Amino acid sequence: MASMADDYENLQIIVNEVTTKAGSRQKALSRHEIIKAIQGLISDGYAQPYVLSPHPPHATPAAFDPERVDDLYYYLTPAGKKILTEHTKRIVSG
């Protein structure tokens, strides 16, 4: 969630961030597992896929399409940002 919290991110950026942050701390997640996680976030209302354009409107909400995962950009919804903030606070406060 953190990788798409402050900007529209494409799948490759998300995959890179997730695998980098996971490092050696846990089993590496596959691209397929990351796509499934993104799809779950979208289904739960925590993320939204978008099509970006250099022309207005620059970001247009789109439906999740497994055939187009590399063409879409992903961004957290307000509900997703709230959940991420609450989770971060719990981690920090221990």
PDB file of N, CA and C in Angstrom:
ATOM      1  N   MET A   1       0.826  -1.193   0.000  1.00  0.00           N
ATOM      2  CA  MET A   1       0.000   0.000   0.000  1.00  0.00           C
ATOM      3  C   MET A   1       0.871   1.258   0.000  1.00  0.00           C
ATOM      4  N   ALA A   2       1.975   1.195   0.738  1.00  0.00           N
ATOM      5  CA  ALA A   2       2.820   2.384   0.861  1.00  0.00           C
ATOM      6  C   ALA A   2       3.378   2.824  -0.482  1.00  0.00           C
ATOM      7  N   SER A   3       3.636   1.882  -1.376  1.00  0.00           N
ATOM      8  CA  SER A   3       4.235   2.253  -2.660  1.00  0.00           C
ATOM      9  C   SER A   3       3.281   3.045  -3.544  1.00  0.00           C
ATOM     10  N   MET A   4       1.978   2.967  -3.287  1.00  0.00           N
ATOM     11  CA  MET A   4       1.019   3.722  -4.097  1.00  0.00           C
ATOM     12  C   MET A   4       0.273   4.767  -3.276  1.00  0.00           C
ATOM     13  N   ALA A   5       0.826   5.138  -2.129  1.00  0.00           N
ATOM     14  CA  ALA A   5       0.127   6.049  -1.223  1.00  0.00           C
ATOM     15  C   ALA A   5       0.265   7.518  -1.588  1.00  0.00           C
ATOM     16  N   ASP A   6       1.355   7.899  -2.222  1.00  0.00           N
ATOM     17  CA  ASP A   6       1.568   9.333  -2.444  1.00  0.00           C
ATOM     18  C   ASP A   6       1.674   9.722  -3.915  1.00  0.00           C
ATOM     19  N   ASP A   7       1.490   8.739  -4.804  1.00  0.00           N
ATOM     20  CA  ASP A   7       1.588   9.038  -6.224  1.00  0.00           C
ATOM     21  C   ASP A   7       0.986   7.888  -7.018  1.00  0.00           C
ATOM     22  N   TYR A   8       0.600   8.152  -8.231  1.00  0.00           N
ATOM     23  CA  TYR A   8       0.153   7.092  -9.130  1.00  0.00           C
ATOM     24  C   TYR A   8       1.385   6.266  -9.488  1.00  0.00           C
ATOM     25  N   GLU A   9       1.304   4.973  -9.308  1.00  0.00           N
ATOM     26  CA  GLU A   9       2.455   4.116  -9.598  1.00  0.00           C
ATOM     27  C   GLU A   9       2.060   3.001 -10.554  1.00  0.00           C
ATOM     28  N   ASN A  10       2.973   2.673 -11.463  1.00  0.00           N
ATOM     29  CA  ASN A  10       2.711   1.551 -12.352  1.00  0.00           C
ATOM     30  C   ASN A  10       3.139   0.252 -11.670  1.00  0.00           C
ATOM     31  N   LEU A  11       2.766  -0.853 -12.273  1.00  0.00           N
ATOM     32  CA  LEU A  11       3.016  -2.151 -11.653  1.00  0.00           C
ATOM     33  C   LEU A  11       4.497  -2.400 -11.423  1.00  0.00           C
ATOM     34  N   GLN A  12       5.342  -2.049 -12.375  1.00  0.00           N
ATOM     35  CA  GLN A  12       6.769  -2.333 -12.230  1.00  0.00           C
ATOM     36  C   GLN A  12       7.369  -1.600 -11.029  1.00  0.00           C
ATOM     37  N   ILE A  13       6.982  -0.365 -10.804  1.00  0.00           N
ATOM     38  CA  ILE A  13       7.459   0.387  -9.631  1.00  0.00           C
ATOM     39  C   ILE A  13       6.993  -0.302  -8.349  1.00  0.00           C
ATOM     40  N   ILE A  14       5.737  -0.714  -8.318  1.00  0.00           N
ATOM     41  CA  ILE A  14       5.206  -1.385  -7.127  1.00  0.00           C
ATOM     42  C   ILE A  14       5.953  -2.680  -6.873  1.00  0.00           C
ATOM     43  N   VAL A  15       6.149  -3.485  -7.903  1.00  0.00           N
ATOM     44  CA  VAL A  15       6.886  -4.752  -7.756  1.00  0.00           C
ATOM     45  C   VAL A  15       8.289  -4.477  -7.237  1.00  0.00           C
ATOM     46  N   ASN A  16       8.972  -3.493  -7.806  1.00  0.00           N
ATOM     47  CA  ASN A  16      10.340  -3.162  -7.360  1.00  0.00           C
ATOM     48  C   ASN A  16      10.360  -2.739  -5.895  1.00  0.00           C
ATOM     49  N   GLU A  17       9.429  -1.880  -5.498  1.00  0.00           N
ATOM     50  CA  GLU A  17       9.392  -1.408  -4.106  1.00  0.00           C
ATOM     51  C   GLU A  17       9.061  -2.532  -3.135  1.00  0.00           C
ATOM     52  N   VAL A  18       8.098  -3.367  -3.482  1.00  0.00           N
ATOM     53  CA  VAL A  18       7.713  -4.463  -2.594  1.00  0.00           C
ATOM     54  C   VAL A  18       8.875  -5.437  -2.426  1.00  0.00           C
ATOM     55  N   THR A  19       9.516  -5.808  -3.499  1.00  0.00           N
ATOM     56  CA  THR A  19      10.616  -6.770  -3.387  1.00  0.00           C
ATOM     57  C   THR A  19      11.821  -6.159  -2.689  1.00  0.00           C
ATOM     58  N   THR A  20      12.073  -4.882  -2.890  1.00  0.00           N
ATOM     59  CA  THR A  20      13.195  -4.218  -2.215  1.00  0.00           C
ATOM     60  C   THR A  20      12.933  -4.118  -0.723  1.00  0.00           C
ATOM     61  N   LYS A  21      11.728  -3.702  -0.344  1.00  0.00           N
ATOM     62  CA  LYS A  21      11.408  -3.553   1.075  1.00  0.00           C
ATOM     63  C   LYS A  21      11.364  -4.895   1.787  1.00  0.00           C
ATOM     64  N   ALA A  22      10.901  -5.923   1.091  1.00  0.00           N
ATOM     65  CA  ALA A  22      10.852  -7.250   1.707  1.00  0.00           C
ATOM     66  C   ALA A  22      12.269  -7.776   1.931  1.00  0.00           C
ATOM     67  N   GLY A  23      13.152  -7.509   0.980  1.00  0.00           N
ATOM     68  CA  GLY A  23      14.537  -7.931   1.102  1.00  0.00           C
ATOM     69  C   GLY A  23      14.655  -9.376   1.532  1.00  0.00           C
ATOM     70  N   SER A  24      15.502  -9.605   2.478  1.00  0.00           N
ATOM     71  CA  SER A  24      15.717 -10.966   2.954  1.00  0.00           C
ATOM     72  C   SER A  24      14.866 -11.281   4.183  1.00  0.00           C
ATOM     73  N   ARG A  25      14.017 -10.352   4.589  1.00  0.00           N
ATOM     74  CA  ARG A  25      13.201 -10.553   5.796  1.00  0.00           C
ATOM     75  C   ARG A  25      12.135 -11.619   5.619  1.00  0.00           C
ATOM     76  N   GLN A  26      11.702 -11.837   4.429  1.00  0.00           N
ATOM     77  CA  GLN A  26      10.651 -12.816   4.197  1.00  0.00           C
ATOM     78  C   GLN A  26      10.782 -13.411   2.809  1.00  0.00           C
ATOM     79  N   LYS A  27      10.010 -14.424   2.557  1.00  0.00           N
ATOM     80  CA  LYS A  27       9.985 -15.052   1.245  1.00  0.00           C
ATOM     81  C   LYS A  27       9.630 -14.004   0.193  1.00  0.00           C
ATOM     82  N   ALA A  28      10.348 -14.012  -0.894  1.00  0.00           N
ATOM     83  CA  ALA A  28      10.085 -13.060  -1.966  1.00  0.00           C
ATOM     84  C   ALA A  28       8.697 -13.296  -2.552  1.00  0.00           C
ATOM     85  N   LEU A  29       7.984 -12.218  -2.787  1.00  0.00           N
ATOM     86  CA  LEU A  29       6.673 -12.315  -3.406  1.00  0.00           C
ATOM     87  C   LEU A  29       6.834 -12.334  -4.919  1.00  0.00           C
ATOM     88  N   SER A  30       6.037 -13.137  -5.576  1.00  0.00           N
ATOM     89  CA  SER A  30       6.084 -13.182  -7.034  1.00  0.00           C
ATOM     90  C   SER A  30       5.261 -12.024  -7.599  1.00  0.00           C
ATOM     91  N   ARG A  31       5.489 -11.727  -8.841  1.00  0.00           N
ATOM     92  CA  ARG A  31       4.725 -10.702  -9.547  1.00  0.00           C
ATOM     93  C   ARG A  31       3.233 -11.058  -9.479  1.00  0.00           C
ATOM     94  N   HIS A  32       2.915 -12.332  -9.680  1.00  0.00           N
ATOM     95  CA  HIS A  32       1.526 -12.793  -9.634  1.00  0.00           C
ATOM     96  C   HIS A  32       0.906 -12.517  -8.260  1.00  0.00           C
ATOM     97  N   GLU A  33       1.640 -12.780  -7.186  1.00  0.00           N
ATOM     98  CA  GLU A  33       1.126 -12.532  -5.834  1.00  0.00           C
ATOM     99  C   GLU A  33       0.897 -11.040  -5.598  1.00  0.00           C
ATOM    100  N   ILE A  34       1.785 -10.214  -6.118  1.00  0.00           N
ATOM    101  CA  ILE A  34       1.637  -8.765  -5.963  1.00  0.00           C
ATOM    102  C   ILE A  34       0.413  -8.276  -6.735  1.00  0.00           C
ATOM    103  N   ILE A  35       0.206  -8.804  -7.933  1.00  0.00           N
ATOM    104  CA  ILE A  35      -0.981  -8.430  -8.718  1.00  0.00           C
ATOM    105  C   ILE A  35      -2.248  -8.837  -7.977  1.00  0.00           C
ATOM    106  N   LYS A  36      -2.257 -10.036  -7.397  1.00  0.00           N
ATOM    107  CA  LYS A  36      -3.423 -10.489  -6.630  1.00  0.00           C
ATOM    108  C   LYS A  36      -3.668  -9.575  -5.430  1.00  0.00           C
ATOM    109  N   ALA A  37      -2.597  -9.131  -4.768  1.00  0.00           N
ATOM    110  CA  ALA A  37      -2.735  -8.225  -3.620  1.00  0.00           C
ATOM    111  C   ALA A  37      -3.323  -6.888  -4.071  1.00  0.00           C
ATOM    112  N   ILE A  38      -2.855  -6.369  -5.185  1.00  0.00           N
ATOM    113  CA  ILE A  38      -3.391  -5.117  -5.719  1.00  0.00           C
ATOM    114  C   ILE A  38      -4.867  -5.294  -6.060  1.00  0.00           C
ATOM    115  N   GLN A  39      -5.206  -6.402  -6.685  1.00  0.00           N
ATOM    116  CA  GLN A  39      -6.595  -6.682  -7.034  1.00  0.00           C
ATOM    117  C   GLN A  39      -7.455  -6.749  -5.772  1.00  0.00           C
ATOM    118  N   GLY A  40      -6.929  -7.323  -4.699  1.00  0.00           N
ATOM    119  CA  GLY A  40      -7.651  -7.369  -3.432  1.00  0.00           C
ATOM    120  C   GLY A  40      -7.862  -5.988  -2.852  1.00  0.00           C
ATOM    121  N   LEU A  41      -6.830  -5.147  -2.919  1.00  0.00           N
ATOM    122  CA  LEU A  41      -6.958  -3.770  -2.429  1.00  0.00           C
ATOM    123  C   LEU A  41      -8.033  -3.015  -3.205  1.00  0.00           C
ATOM    124  N   ILE A  42      -8.073  -3.246  -4.505  1.00  0.00           N
ATOM    125  CA  ILE A  42      -9.081  -2.590  -5.343  1.00  0.00           C
ATOM    126  C   ILE A  42     -10.474  -3.107  -4.970  1.00  0.00           C
ATOM    127  N   SER A  43     -10.606  -4.413  -4.830  1.00  0.00           N
ATOM    128  CA  SER A  43     -11.904  -5.013  -4.469  1.00  0.00           C
ATOM    129  C   SER A  43     -12.411  -4.510  -3.126  1.00  0.00           C
ATOM    130  N   ASP A  44     -11.475  -4.279  -2.196  1.00  0.00           N
ATOM    131  CA  ASP A  44     -11.842  -3.800  -0.860  1.00  0.00           C
ATOM    132  C   ASP A  44     -12.054  -2.287  -0.801  1.00  0.00           C
ATOM    133  N   GLY A  45     -11.802  -1.601  -1.916  1.00  0.00           N
ATOM    134  CA  GLY A  45     -12.007  -0.157  -1.959  1.00  0.00           C
ATOM    135  C   GLY A  45     -10.834   0.654  -1.445  1.00  0.00           C
ATOM    136  N   TYR A  46      -9.661   0.021  -1.314  1.00  0.00           N
ATOM    137  CA  TYR A  46      -8.483   0.716  -0.785  1.00  0.00           C
ATOM    138  C   TYR A  46      -7.558   1.259  -1.866  1.00  0.00           C
ATOM    139  N   ALA A  47      -7.729   0.827  -3.093  1.00  0.00           N
ATOM    140  CA  ALA A  47      -6.903   1.312  -4.206  1.00  0.00           C
ATOM    141  C   ALA A  47      -7.782   1.435  -5.440  1.00  0.00           C
ATOM    142  N   GLN A  48      -7.313   2.227  -6.384  1.00  0.00           N
ATOM    143  CA  GLN A  48      -8.051   2.458  -7.625  1.00  0.00           C
ATOM    144  C   GLN A  48      -7.062   2.431  -8.785  1.00  0.00           C
ATOM    145  N   PRO A  49      -7.370   1.703  -9.848  1.00  0.00           N
ATOM    146  CA  PRO A  49      -6.536   1.780 -11.047  1.00  0.00           C
ATOM    147  C   PRO A  49      -6.925   3.004 -11.888  1.00  0.00           C
ATOM    148  N   TYR A  50      -5.941   3.527 -12.585  1.00  0.00           N
ATOM    149  CA  TYR A  50      -6.151   4.706 -13.424  1.00  0.00           C
ATOM    150  C   TYR A  50      -5.430   4.545 -14.754  1.00  0.00           C
ATOM    151  N   VAL A  51      -5.930   5.264 -15.737  1.00  0.00           N
ATOM    152  CA  VAL A  51      -5.218   5.471 -16.991  1.00  0.00           C
ATOM    153  C   VAL A  51      -4.733   6.906 -16.934  1.00  0.00           C
ATOM    154  N   LEU A  52      -3.429   7.106 -17.156  1.00  0.00           N
ATOM    155  CA  LEU A  52      -2.860   8.459 -17.125  1.00  0.00           C
ATOM    156  C   LEU A  52      -2.678   8.993 -18.536  1.00  0.00           C
ATOM    157  N   SER A  53      -2.784  10.302 -18.658  1.00  0.00           N
ATOM    158  CA  SER A  53      -2.656  10.970 -19.951  1.00  0.00           C
ATOM    159  C   SER A  53      -1.950  12.306 -19.763  1.00  0.00           C
ATOM    160  N   PRO A  54      -1.192  12.748 -20.759  1.00  0.00           N
ATOM    161  CA  PRO A  54      -0.592  14.083 -20.665  1.00  0.00           C
ATOM    162  C   PRO A  54      -1.626  15.198 -20.878  1.00  0.00           C
ATOM    163  N   HIS A  55      -2.834  14.821 -21.315  1.00  0.00           N
ATOM    164  CA  HIS A  55      -3.890  15.786 -21.584  1.00  0.00           C
ATOM    165  C   HIS A  55      -5.004  15.651 -20.543  1.00  0.00           C
ATOM    166  N   PRO A  56      -5.640  16.765 -20.184  1.00  0.00           N
ATOM    167  CA  PRO A  56      -6.738  16.690 -19.216  1.00  0.00           C
ATOM    168  C   PRO A  56      -7.861  15.783 -19.716  1.00  0.00           C
ATOM    169  N   PRO A  57      -8.506  15.061 -18.875  1.00  0.00           N
ATOM    170  CA  PRO A  57      -8.119  14.821 -17.487  1.00  0.00           C
ATOM    171  C   PRO A  57      -6.895  13.912 -17.441  1.00  0.00           C
ATOM    172  N   HIS A  58      -5.953  14.266 -16.605  1.00  0.00           N
ATOM    173  CA  HIS A  58      -4.670  13.554 -16.569  1.00  0.00           C
ATOM    174  C   HIS A  58      -4.781  12.164 -15.969  1.00  0.00           C
ATOM    175  N   ALA A  59      -5.714  11.969 -15.068  1.00  0.00           N
ATOM    176  CA  ALA A  59      -5.919  10.660 -14.449  1.00  0.00           C
ATOM    177  C   ALA A  59      -7.398  10.296 -14.551  1.00  0.00           C
ATOM    178  N   THR A  60      -7.672   9.192 -15.205  1.00  0.00           N
ATOM    179  CA  THR A  60      -9.044   8.728 -15.373  1.00  0.00           C
ATOM    180  C   THR A  60      -9.195   7.374 -14.686  1.00  0.00           C
ATOM    181  N   PRO A  61     -10.134   7.261 -13.738  1.00  0.00           N
ATOM    182  CA  PRO A  61     -10.348   5.963 -13.092  1.00  0.00           C
ATOM    183  C   PRO A  61     -10.673   4.893 -14.140  1.00  0.00           C
ATOM    184  N   ALA A  62     -10.178   3.702 -13.900  1.00  0.00           N
ATOM    185  CA  ALA A  62     -10.391   2.592 -14.827  1.00  0.00           C
ATOM    186  C   ALA A  62     -10.775   1.349 -14.040  1.00  0.00           C
ATOM    187  N   ALA A  63     -11.328   0.388 -14.723  1.00  0.00           N
ATOM    188  CA  ALA A  63     -11.619  -0.901 -14.105  1.00  0.00           C
ATOM    189  C   ALA A  63     -10.333  -1.727 -14.095  1.00  0.00           C
ATOM    190  N   PHE A  64     -10.175  -2.545 -13.059  1.00  0.00           N
ATOM    191  CA  PHE A  64      -9.029  -3.441 -13.027  1.00  0.00           C
ATOM    192  C   PHE A  64      -9.204  -4.474 -14.131  1.00  0.00           C
ATOM    193  N   ASP A  65      -8.147  -4.673 -14.898  1.00  0.00           N
ATOM    194  CA  ASP A  65      -8.178  -5.637 -15.994  1.00  0.00           C
ATOM    195  C   ASP A  65      -6.867  -6.404 -15.979  1.00  0.00           C
ATOM    196  N   PRO A  66      -6.897  -7.696 -15.654  1.00  0.00           N
ATOM    197  CA  PRO A  66      -5.663  -8.487 -15.603  1.00  0.00           C
ATOM    198  C   PRO A  66      -4.870  -8.461 -16.907  1.00  0.00           C
ATOM    199  N   GLU A  67      -5.548  -8.206 -18.015  1.00  0.00           N
ATOM    200  CA  GLU A  67      -4.881  -8.146 -19.319  1.00  0.00           C
ATOM    201  C   GLU A  67      -4.123  -6.817 -19.500  1.00  0.00           C
ATOM    202  N   ARG A  68      -4.449  -5.817 -18.678  1.00  0.00           N
ATOM    203  CA  ARG A  68      -3.853  -4.482 -18.840  1.00  0.00           C
ATOM    204  C   ARG A  68      -3.081  -4.018 -17.609  1.00  0.00           C
ATOM    205  N   VAL A  69      -2.703  -4.945 -16.720  1.00  0.00           N
ATOM    206  CA  VAL A  69      -2.076  -4.530 -15.458  1.00  0.00           C
ATOM    207  C   VAL A  69      -0.852  -3.650 -15.670  1.00  0.00           C
ATOM    208  N   ASP A  70      -0.135  -3.863 -16.757  1.00  0.00           N
ATOM    209  CA  ASP A  70       1.070  -3.062 -17.011  1.00  0.00           C
ATOM    210  C   ASP A  70       0.754  -1.700 -17.624  1.00  0.00           C
ATOM    211  N   ASP A  71      -0.460  -1.512 -18.101  1.00  0.00           N
ATOM    212  CA  ASP A  71      -0.856  -0.236 -18.704  1.00  0.00           C
ATOM    213  C   ASP A  71      -1.528   0.698 -17.709  1.00  0.00           C
ATOM    214  N   LEU A  72      -1.889   0.164 -16.545  1.00  0.00           N
ATOM    215  CA  LEU A  72      -2.605   0.942 -15.543  1.00  0.00           C
ATOM    216  C   LEU A  72      -1.663   1.495 -14.489  1.00  0.00           C
ATOM    217  N   TYR A  73      -2.128   2.526 -13.813  1.00  0.00           N
ATOM    218  CA  TYR A  73      -1.422   3.102 -12.670  1.00  0.00           C
ATOM    219  C   TYR A  73      -2.341   2.928 -11.468  1.00  0.00           C
ATOM    220  N   TYR A  74      -1.747   2.840 -10.288  1.00  0.00           N
ATOM    221  CA  TYR A  74      -2.514   2.519  -9.090  1.00  0.00           C
ATOM    222  C   TYR A  74      -2.264   3.582  -8.030  1.00  0.00           C
ATOM    223  N   TYR A  75      -3.335   3.922  -7.309  1.00  0.00           N
ATOM    224  CA  TYR A  75      -3.260   4.967  -6.287  1.00  0.00           C
ATOM    225  C   TYR A  75      -4.236   4.598  -5.172  1.00  0.00           C
ATOM    226  N   LEU A  76      -3.841   4.863  -3.939  1.00  0.00           N
ATOM    227  CA  LEU A  76      -4.725   4.557  -2.820  1.00  0.00           C
ATOM    228  C   LEU A  76      -5.920   5.500  -2.801  1.00  0.00           C
ATOM    229  N   THR A  77      -7.043   4.969  -2.393  1.00  0.00           N
ATOM    230  CA  THR A  77      -8.240   5.777  -2.170  1.00  0.00           C
ATOM    231  C   THR A  77      -8.114   6.429  -0.791  1.00  0.00           C
ATOM    232  N   PRO A  78      -8.991   7.369  -0.448  1.00  0.00           N
ATOM    233  CA  PRO A  78      -8.959   7.921   0.911  1.00  0.00           C
ATOM    234  C   PRO A  78      -9.082   6.823   1.983  1.00  0.00           C
ATOM    235  N   ALA A  79      -9.914   5.808   1.732  1.00  0.00           N
ATOM    236  CA  ALA A  79     -10.038   4.699   2.698  1.00  0.00           C
ATOM    237  C   ALA A  79      -8.725   3.936   2.819  1.00  0.00           C
ATOM    238  N   GLY A  80      -8.037   3.740   1.700  1.00  0.00           N
ATOM    239  CA  GLY A  80      -6.747   3.057   1.723  1.00  0.00           C
ATOM    240  C   GLY A  80      -5.693   3.853   2.471  1.00  0.00           C
ATOM    241  N   LYS A  81      -5.695   5.168   2.278  1.00  0.00           N
ATOM    242  CA  LYS A  81      -4.743   6.023   2.999  1.00  0.00           C
ATOM    243  C   LYS A  81      -5.008   5.982   4.499  1.00  0.00           C
ATOM    244  N   LYS A  82      -6.293   5.938   4.877  1.00  0.00           N
ATOM    245  CA  LYS A  82      -6.649   5.881   6.297  1.00  0.00           C
ATOM    246  C   LYS A  82      -6.152   4.570   6.916  1.00  0.00           C
ATOM    247  N   ILE A  83      -6.381   3.459   6.254  1.00  0.00           N
ATOM    248  CA  ILE A  83      -5.933   2.151   6.757  1.00  0.00           C
ATOM    249  C   ILE A  83      -4.415   2.125   6.869  1.00  0.00           C
ATOM    250  N   LEU A  84      -3.712   2.641   5.871  1.00  0.00           N
ATOM    251  CA  LEU A  84      -2.248   2.664   5.905  1.00  0.00           C
ATOM    252  C   LEU A  84      -1.748   3.519   7.058  1.00  0.00           C
ATOM    253  N   THR A  85      -2.365   4.675   7.282  1.00  0.00           N
ATOM    254  CA  THR A  85      -1.970   5.552   8.385  1.00  0.00           C
ATOM    255  C   THR A  85      -2.187   4.861   9.727  1.00  0.00           C
ATOM    256  N   GLU A  86      -3.335   4.209   9.888  1.00  0.00           N
ATOM    257  CA  GLU A  86      -3.615   3.499  11.145  1.00  0.00           C
ATOM    258  C   GLU A  86      -2.618   2.367  11.367  1.00  0.00           C
ATOM    259  N   HIS A  87      -2.291   1.642  10.326  1.00  0.00           N
ATOM    260  CA  HIS A  87      -1.327   0.543  10.418  1.00  0.00           C
ATOM    261  C   HIS A  87       0.052   1.069  10.777  1.00  0.00           C
ATOM    262  N   THR A  88       0.457   2.157  10.165  1.00  0.00           N
ATOM    263  CA  THR A  88       1.759   2.755  10.453  1.00  0.00           C
ATOM    264  C   THR A  88       1.844   3.227  11.906  1.00  0.00           C
ATOM    265  N   LYS A  89       0.760   3.830  12.405  1.00  0.00           N
ATOM    266  CA  LYS A  89       0.731   4.298  13.797  1.00  0.00           C
ATOM    267  C   LYS A  89       0.878   3.126  14.759  1.00  0.00           C
ATOM    268  N   ARG A  90       0.221   1.993  14.466  1.00  0.00           N
ATOM    269  CA  ARG A  90       0.328   0.810  15.323  1.00  0.00           C
ATOM    270  C   ARG A  90       1.751   0.273  15.349  1.00  0.00           C
ATOM    271  N   ILE A  91       2.415   0.279  14.216  1.00  0.00           N
ATOM    272  CA  ILE A  91       3.794  -0.213  14.141  1.00  0.00           C
ATOM    273  C   ILE A  91       4.719   0.696  14.947  1.00  0.00           C
ATOM    274  N   VAL A  92       4.549   2.010  14.788  1.00  0.00           N
ATOM    275  CA  VAL A  92       5.397   2.973  15.466  1.00  0.00           C
ATOM    276  C   VAL A  92       5.178   2.918  16.979  1.00  0.00           C
ATOM    277  N   SER A  93       3.923   2.784  17.406  1.00  0.00           N
ATOM    278  CA  SER A  93       3.648   2.793  18.846  1.00  0.00           C
ATOM    279  C   SER A  93       3.931   1.430  19.489  1.00  0.00           C
ATOM    280  N   GLY A  94       4.171   0.429  18.653  1.00  0.00           N
ATOM    281  CA  GLY A  94       4.590  -0.877  19.137  1.00  0.00           C
ATOM    282  C   GLY A  94       3.529  -1.655  19.766  1.00  0.00           C
TER     283      GLY A  94
END
